[in-house]
Amino acid sequence: MKGGKTELWVNKRRKELLDGNSVGTPGADIAKLKVPSWYDEKKFNRTKELYRDHFIAVNFEHFCGVLLCFYFPKTTKNFMFSGECNTKNKLLHRYLTTIRYIQKWYEGDIWDVNDIAHRTLSIVRSMHTRVGNKMAALNDGIVYISQWDMVLNQWSFVGPIILFQSLLGLHGWTTDDYLLGNYSFLANNWLFTWNRRQVQSVPR
């Protein structure tokens, strides 16, 4: 796509993602989800190879991504509301648990219901839905753990790697986010057209 067509497509895609601010993370038994038509096993396995080859760098970026998520006020409120991260020790435990889960997603088979990668993905998605529904009781007109929140958090984990290094693990994270029930900003080459200026100006 070039010129005007590209701009129209970018604006349309951006609106779709922003509209996700009013959409919560849907509850679902991910064991019942079908493999999407766009899934490419070769690309997904390449993600795993890249993770193994750059283990320290990728894990460090993901750890920084967890920290970056707290830049977003709603994310911070989600953590504090759950009561699971209201002390430094609890917060550190949550950090490390998140990184360990992500490591399982790289190393295991997320489509195998008996694999720990699949089970931890299911745990995370259920947690998102549970906390989002619980916070809905605040009745303050805000959708917590919305699809837009998930887009921002996803960017925190993988955006810097892709923006500032080679295209590391793009397809793998698109697939993981499908199972997490997210609007993926990685889908349909979205990231390639969302330049740094636009990323810096998105609402939080």
C-alpha atoms as a PDB file:
ATOM      1  CA  MET A   1       0.000   0.000   0.000  1.00  0.00           C
ATOM      2  CA  LYS A   2       1.215   3.481  -0.862  1.00  0.00           C
ATOM      3  CA  GLY A   3       0.214   7.084  -0.337  1.00  0.00           C
ATOM      4  CA  GLY A   4      -3.415   7.773   0.376  1.00  0.00           C
ATOM      5  CA  LYS A   5      -4.402   4.113   0.577  1.00  0.00           C
ATOM      6  CA  THR A   6      -1.823   3.479   3.265  1.00  0.00           C
ATOM      7  CA  GLU A   7      -2.998   6.477   5.283  1.00  0.00           C
ATOM      8  CA  LEU A   8      -6.627   5.386   5.034  1.00  0.00           C
ATOM      9  CA  TRP A   9      -5.742   1.872   6.130  1.00  0.00           C
ATOM     10  CA  VAL A  10      -3.636   3.128   9.046  1.00  0.00           C
ATOM     11  CA  ASN A  11      -6.415   5.434  10.259  1.00  0.00           C
ATOM     12  CA  LYS A  12      -8.959   2.620  10.001  1.00  0.00           C
ATOM     13  CA  ARG A  13      -6.742   0.194  11.893  1.00  0.00           C
ATOM     14  CA  ARG A  14      -5.909   2.763  14.561  1.00  0.00           C
ATOM     15  CA  LYS A  15      -9.619   3.457  15.094  1.00  0.00           C
ATOM     16  CA  GLU A  16     -10.260  -0.279  15.472  1.00  0.00           C
ATOM     17  CA  LEU A  17      -7.605  -0.516  18.162  1.00  0.00           C
ATOM     18  CA  LEU A  18      -8.763   2.625  19.989  1.00  0.00           C
ATOM     19  CA  ASP A  19     -12.354   1.365  19.918  1.00  0.00           C
ATOM     20  CA  GLY A  20     -11.034  -1.543  21.950  1.00  0.00           C
ATOM     21  CA  ASN A  21     -10.857   0.802  24.948  1.00  0.00           C
ATOM     22  CA  SER A  22     -14.539   0.050  25.492  1.00  0.00           C
ATOM     23  CA  VAL A  23     -14.176  -3.718  25.009  1.00  0.00           C
ATOM     24  CA  GLY A  24     -13.107  -5.978  27.859  1.00  0.00           C
ATOM     25  CA  THR A  25     -11.033  -9.130  27.500  1.00  0.00           C
ATOM     26  CA  PRO A  26     -13.509 -11.894  26.654  1.00  0.00           C
ATOM     27  CA  GLY A  27     -13.598 -14.977  28.803  1.00  0.00           C
ATOM     28  CA  ALA A  28     -12.967 -18.143  26.840  1.00  0.00           C
ATOM     29  CA  ASP A  29     -11.756 -21.703  27.142  1.00  0.00           C
ATOM     30  CA  ILE A  30      -8.706 -21.406  24.906  1.00  0.00           C
ATOM     31  CA  ALA A  31      -8.666 -25.182  24.519  1.00  0.00           C
ATOM     32  CA  LYS A  32     -11.707 -24.714  22.271  1.00  0.00           C
ATOM     33  CA  LEU A  33     -10.112 -22.068  20.059  1.00  0.00           C
ATOM     34  CA  LYS A  34      -9.280 -23.136  16.537  1.00  0.00           C
ATOM     35  CA  VAL A  35      -5.917 -22.464  14.954  1.00  0.00           C
ATOM     36  CA  PRO A  36      -6.460 -19.209  12.976  1.00  0.00           C
ATOM     37  CA  SER A  37      -6.097 -19.213   9.200  1.00  0.00           C
ATOM     38  CA  TRP A  38      -3.152 -16.790   9.319  1.00  0.00           C
ATOM     39  CA  TYR A  39      -1.098 -19.025  11.630  1.00  0.00           C
ATOM     40  CA  ASP A  40       2.253 -20.036  10.142  1.00  0.00           C
ATOM     41  CA  GLU A  41       3.997 -22.783  12.096  1.00  0.00           C
ATOM     42  CA  LYS A  42       7.320 -22.137  10.393  1.00  0.00           C
ATOM     43  CA  LYS A  43       7.308 -18.473  11.439  1.00  0.00           C
ATOM     44  CA  PHE A  44       6.187 -19.370  14.935  1.00  0.00           C
ATOM     45  CA  ASN A  45       9.016 -21.861  15.350  1.00  0.00           C
ATOM     46  CA  ARG A  46      11.415 -19.239  14.036  1.00  0.00           C
ATOM     47  CA  THR A  47      10.330 -17.062  16.957  1.00  0.00           C
ATOM     48  CA  LYS A  48      11.407 -19.826  19.316  1.00  0.00           C
ATOM     49  CA  GLU A  49      14.777 -20.074  17.594  1.00  0.00           C
ATOM     50  CA  LEU A  50      15.318 -16.341  17.932  1.00  0.00           C
ATOM     51  CA  TYR A  51      14.403 -16.540  21.602  1.00  0.00           C
ATOM     52  CA  ARG A  52      16.958 -19.284  22.195  1.00  0.00           C
ATOM     53  CA  ASP A  53      19.631 -17.396  20.264  1.00  0.00           C
ATOM     54  CA  HIS A  54      19.000 -14.110  22.112  1.00  0.00           C
ATOM     55  CA  PHE A  55      17.763 -15.451  25.447  1.00  0.00           C
ATOM     56  CA  ILE A  56      19.282 -12.809  27.723  1.00  0.00           C
ATOM     57  CA  ALA A  57      18.441  -9.813  25.523  1.00  0.00           C
ATOM     58  CA  VAL A  58      14.832 -10.850  24.951  1.00  0.00           C
ATOM     59  CA  ASN A  59      14.167 -11.668  28.601  1.00  0.00           C
ATOM     60  CA  PHE A  60      15.713  -8.383  29.691  1.00  0.00           C
ATOM     61  CA  GLU A  61      13.464  -6.476  27.281  1.00  0.00           C
ATOM     62  CA  HIS A  62      10.414  -8.349  28.537  1.00  0.00           C
ATOM     63  CA  PHE A  63      11.370  -7.540  32.121  1.00  0.00           C
ATOM     64  CA  CYS A  64      11.657  -3.878  31.121  1.00  0.00           C
ATOM     65  CA  GLY A  65       8.280  -4.282  29.423  1.00  0.00           C
ATOM     66  CA  VAL A  66       6.690  -5.289  32.715  1.00  0.00           C
ATOM     67  CA  LEU A  67       8.098  -2.132  34.278  1.00  0.00           C
ATOM     68  CA  LEU A  68       6.933  -0.023  31.336  1.00  0.00           C
ATOM     69  CA  CYS A  69       3.376  -1.289  31.769  1.00  0.00           C
ATOM     70  CA  PHE A  70       3.204   0.669  35.017  1.00  0.00           C
ATOM     71  CA  TYR A  71       3.535   3.873  33.017  1.00  0.00           C
ATOM     72  CA  PHE A  72      -0.121   3.351  32.078  1.00  0.00           C
ATOM     73  CA  PRO A  73      -2.397   4.486  34.954  1.00  0.00           C
ATOM     74  CA  LYS A  74      -5.102   1.889  34.374  1.00  0.00           C
ATOM     75  CA  THR A  75      -2.575  -0.938  34.448  1.00  0.00           C
ATOM     76  CA  THR A  76      -1.230   0.293  37.771  1.00  0.00           C
ATOM     77  CA  LYS A  77      -4.757   0.512  39.164  1.00  0.00           C
ATOM     78  CA  ASN A  78      -5.449  -3.052  37.996  1.00  0.00           C
ATOM     79  CA  PHE A  79      -2.448  -4.365  39.889  1.00  0.00           C
ATOM     80  CA  MET A  80      -3.225  -2.408  43.059  1.00  0.00           C
ATOM     81  CA  PHE A  81      -6.909  -3.330  43.006  1.00  0.00           C
ATOM     82  CA  SER A  82      -6.199  -7.057  42.947  1.00  0.00           C
ATOM     83  CA  GLY A  83      -4.223  -6.769  46.189  1.00  0.00           C
ATOM     84  CA  GLU A  84      -1.571  -9.065  44.745  1.00  0.00           C
ATOM     85  CA  CYS A  85       0.967  -6.289  44.110  1.00  0.00           C
ATOM     86  CA  ASN A  86       0.469  -3.802  46.926  1.00  0.00           C
ATOM     87  CA  THR A  87       3.923  -4.409  48.443  1.00  0.00           C
ATOM     88  CA  LYS A  88       7.391  -4.424  46.904  1.00  0.00           C
ATOM     89  CA  ASN A  89       7.857  -8.133  47.581  1.00  0.00           C
ATOM     90  CA  LYS A  90       4.520  -9.020  46.008  1.00  0.00           C
ATOM     91  CA  LEU A  91       5.299  -6.830  43.017  1.00  0.00           C
ATOM     92  CA  LEU A  92       8.679  -8.494  42.488  1.00  0.00           C
ATOM     93  CA  HIS A  93       7.041 -11.909  42.727  1.00  0.00           C
ATOM     94  CA  ARG A  94       4.495 -10.845  40.108  1.00  0.00           C
ATOM     95  CA  TYR A  95       7.281  -9.597  37.816  1.00  0.00           C
ATOM     96  CA  LEU A  96       9.166 -12.867  38.029  1.00  0.00           C
ATOM     97  CA  THR A  97       6.037 -14.979  37.594  1.00  0.00           C
ATOM     98  CA  THR A  98       5.115 -13.060  34.444  1.00  0.00           C
ATOM     99  CA  ILE A  99       8.581 -13.540  32.959  1.00  0.00           C
ATOM    100  CA  ARG A 100       8.519 -17.261  33.780  1.00  0.00           C
ATOM    101  CA  TYR A 101       5.134 -17.627  32.095  1.00  0.00           C
ATOM    102  CA  ILE A 102       6.380 -15.890  28.975  1.00  0.00           C
ATOM    103  CA  GLN A 103       9.411 -18.155  28.917  1.00  0.00           C
ATOM    104  CA  LYS A 104       7.079 -21.168  28.891  1.00  0.00           C
ATOM    105  CA  TRP A 105       5.251 -19.728  25.878  1.00  0.00           C
ATOM    106  CA  TYR A 106       8.489 -19.574  23.929  1.00  0.00           C
ATOM    107  CA  GLU A 107       9.661 -23.023  24.945  1.00  0.00           C
ATOM    108  CA  GLY A 108       6.454 -25.049  24.906  1.00  0.00           C
ATOM    109  CA  ASP A 109       3.547 -25.873  22.614  1.00  0.00           C
ATOM    110  CA  ILE A 110       0.794 -23.329  23.192  1.00  0.00           C
ATOM    111  CA  TRP A 111      -1.675 -25.415  21.152  1.00  0.00           C
ATOM    112  CA  ASP A 112      -1.255 -28.581  23.256  1.00  0.00           C
ATOM    113  CA  VAL A 113      -3.781 -28.496  26.096  1.00  0.00           C
ATOM    114  CA  ASN A 114      -1.496 -30.715  28.174  1.00  0.00           C
ATOM    115  CA  ASP A 115       1.543 -28.465  27.765  1.00  0.00           C
ATOM    116  CA  ILE A 116       2.464 -25.972  30.488  1.00  0.00           C
ATOM    117  CA  ALA A 117       2.679 -23.234  27.840  1.00  0.00           C
ATOM    118  CA  HIS A 118      -1.006 -23.694  27.047  1.00  0.00           C
ATOM    119  CA  ARG A 119      -1.965 -23.945  30.720  1.00  0.00           C
ATOM    120  CA  THR A 120      -0.168 -20.736  31.701  1.00  0.00           C
ATOM    121  CA  LEU A 121      -1.721 -18.856  28.775  1.00  0.00           C
ATOM    122  CA  SER A 122      -5.109 -20.039  30.012  1.00  0.00           C
ATOM    123  CA  ILE A 123      -4.266 -18.872  33.553  1.00  0.00           C
ATOM    124  CA  VAL A 124      -3.291 -15.401  32.342  1.00  0.00           C
ATOM    125  CA  ARG A 125      -6.364 -14.957  30.170  1.00  0.00           C
ATOM    126  CA  SER A 126      -8.674 -16.113  32.964  1.00  0.00           C
ATOM    127  CA  MET A 127      -6.956 -13.723  35.370  1.00  0.00           C
ATOM    128  CA  HIS A 128      -7.433 -10.791  32.988  1.00  0.00           C
ATOM    129  CA  THR A 129     -11.126 -11.583  32.651  1.00  0.00           C
ATOM    130  CA  ARG A 130     -11.609 -12.118  36.384  1.00  0.00           C
ATOM    131  CA  VAL A 131      -9.926  -8.870  37.433  1.00  0.00           C
ATOM    132  CA  GLY A 132     -11.675  -6.909  34.665  1.00  0.00           C
ATOM    133  CA  ASN A 133     -15.082  -8.192  35.756  1.00  0.00           C
ATOM    134  CA  LYS A 134     -14.294  -7.503  39.406  1.00  0.00           C
ATOM    135  CA  MET A 135     -13.262  -3.932  38.655  1.00  0.00           C
ATOM    136  CA  ALA A 136     -16.443  -3.395  36.654  1.00  0.00           C
ATOM    137  CA  ALA A 137     -18.155  -3.308  40.050  1.00  0.00           C
ATOM    138  CA  LEU A 138     -16.555   0.106  40.588  1.00  0.00           C
ATOM    139  CA  ASN A 139     -19.177   1.365  38.135  1.00  0.00           C
ATOM    140  CA  ASP A 140     -17.031   4.354  37.165  1.00  0.00           C
ATOM    141  CA  GLY A 141     -17.648   4.087  33.426  1.00  0.00           C
ATOM    142  CA  ILE A 142     -14.167   2.711  32.724  1.00  0.00           C
ATOM    143  CA  VAL A 143     -13.493  -0.646  31.083  1.00  0.00           C
ATOM    144  CA  TYR A 144     -10.521  -2.126  32.909  1.00  0.00           C
ATOM    145  CA  ILE A 145      -8.158  -4.527  31.126  1.00  0.00           C
ATOM    146  CA  SER A 146      -9.733  -3.407  27.884  1.00  0.00           C
ATOM    147  CA  GLN A 147      -8.518  -4.499  24.473  1.00  0.00           C
ATOM    148  CA  TRP A 148      -6.755  -1.136  24.108  1.00  0.00           C
ATOM    149  CA  ASP A 149      -4.994  -1.703  27.440  1.00  0.00           C
ATOM    150  CA  MET A 150      -3.836  -5.057  26.122  1.00  0.00           C
ATOM    151  CA  VAL A 151      -2.492  -3.407  22.966  1.00  0.00           C
ATOM    152  CA  LEU A 152      -0.457  -0.949  25.043  1.00  0.00           C
ATOM    153  CA  ASN A 153       0.868  -3.695  27.286  1.00  0.00           C
ATOM    154  CA  GLN A 154       1.702  -5.868  24.290  1.00  0.00           C
ATOM    155  CA  TRP A 155       3.680  -3.009  22.813  1.00  0.00           C
ATOM    156  CA  SER A 156       5.582  -2.656  26.098  1.00  0.00           C
ATOM    157  CA  PHE A 157       6.740  -6.248  25.793  1.00  0.00           C
ATOM    158  CA  VAL A 158       7.640  -6.471  22.114  1.00  0.00           C
ATOM    159  CA  GLY A 159       7.445  -3.002  20.551  1.00  0.00           C
ATOM    160  CA  PRO A 160      10.951  -1.832  21.519  1.00  0.00           C
ATOM    161  CA  ILE A 161      12.524  -5.015  20.162  1.00  0.00           C
ATOM    162  CA  ILE A 162      10.826  -4.573  16.813  1.00  0.00           C
ATOM    163  CA  LEU A 163      11.240  -0.820  16.531  1.00  0.00           C
ATOM    164  CA  PHE A 164      14.887  -0.672  17.441  1.00  0.00           C
ATOM    165  CA  GLN A 165      16.244  -4.069  16.411  1.00  0.00           C
ATOM    166  CA  SER A 166      15.545  -6.632  13.704  1.00  0.00           C
ATOM    167  CA  LEU A 167      12.045  -8.110  13.472  1.00  0.00           C
ATOM    168  CA  LEU A 168      12.357 -10.446  16.415  1.00  0.00           C
ATOM    169  CA  GLY A 169       9.511 -12.822  17.121  1.00  0.00           C
ATOM    170  CA  LEU A 170       6.713 -10.877  15.441  1.00  0.00           C
ATOM    171  CA  HIS A 171       4.593 -13.860  14.382  1.00  0.00           C
ATOM    172  CA  GLY A 172       5.095 -15.650  17.672  1.00  0.00           C
ATOM    173  CA  TRP A 173       3.631 -12.787  19.676  1.00  0.00           C
ATOM    174  CA  THR A 174       0.747 -12.337  17.262  1.00  0.00           C
ATOM    175  CA  THR A 175      -0.140 -15.985  17.912  1.00  0.00           C
ATOM    176  CA  ASP A 176       0.214 -15.725  21.690  1.00  0.00           C
ATOM    177  CA  ASP A 177      -2.060 -12.688  21.725  1.00  0.00           C
ATOM    178  CA  TYR A 178      -4.691 -14.528  19.702  1.00  0.00           C
ATOM    179  CA  LEU A 179      -4.942 -17.045  22.538  1.00  0.00           C
ATOM    180  CA  LEU A 180      -4.904 -14.278  25.157  1.00  0.00           C
ATOM    181  CA  GLY A 181      -7.966 -12.778  23.465  1.00  0.00           C
ATOM    182  CA  ASN A 182      -6.309  -9.541  22.406  1.00  0.00           C
ATOM    183  CA  TYR A 183      -6.669  -7.090  19.589  1.00  0.00           C
ATOM    184  CA  SER A 184      -3.123  -7.482  18.287  1.00  0.00           C
ATOM    185  CA  PHE A 185      -1.372  -4.365  17.048  1.00  0.00           C
ATOM    186  CA  LEU A 186       1.010  -6.775  15.312  1.00  0.00           C
ATOM    187  CA  ALA A 187      -1.668  -8.155  13.021  1.00  0.00           C
ATOM    188  CA  ASN A 188      -1.837  -7.217   9.352  1.00  0.00           C
ATOM    189  CA  ASN A 189       1.533  -5.448   9.367  1.00  0.00           C
ATOM    190  CA  TRP A 190       0.076  -2.795  11.657  1.00  0.00           C
ATOM    191  CA  LEU A 191       3.347  -2.090  13.428  1.00  0.00           C
ATOM    192  CA  PHE A 192       5.182  -1.397  10.192  1.00  0.00           C
ATOM    193  CA  THR A 193       2.931   1.588   9.499  1.00  0.00           C
ATOM    194  CA  TRP A 194       2.634   2.886  13.040  1.00  0.00           C
ATOM    195  CA  ASN A 195       5.687   5.098  13.210  1.00  0.00           C
ATOM    196  CA  ARG A 196       7.477   6.240  16.346  1.00  0.00           C
ATOM    197  CA  ARG A 197       5.779   9.614  16.433  1.00  0.00           C
ATOM    198  CA  GLN A 198       2.358   7.982  16.444  1.00  0.00           C
ATOM    199  CA  VAL A 199       3.372   5.502  19.136  1.00  0.00           C
ATOM    200  CA  GLN A 200       4.506   8.346  21.375  1.00  0.00           C
ATOM    201  CA  SER A 201       1.255  10.252  20.923  1.00  0.00           C
ATOM    202  CA  VAL A 202      -1.267   7.498  21.675  1.00  0.00           C
ATOM    203  CA  PRO A 203      -3.632   8.065  24.620  1.00  0.00           C
ATOM    204  CA  ARG A 204      -2.986   6.254  27.884  1.00  0.00           C
END
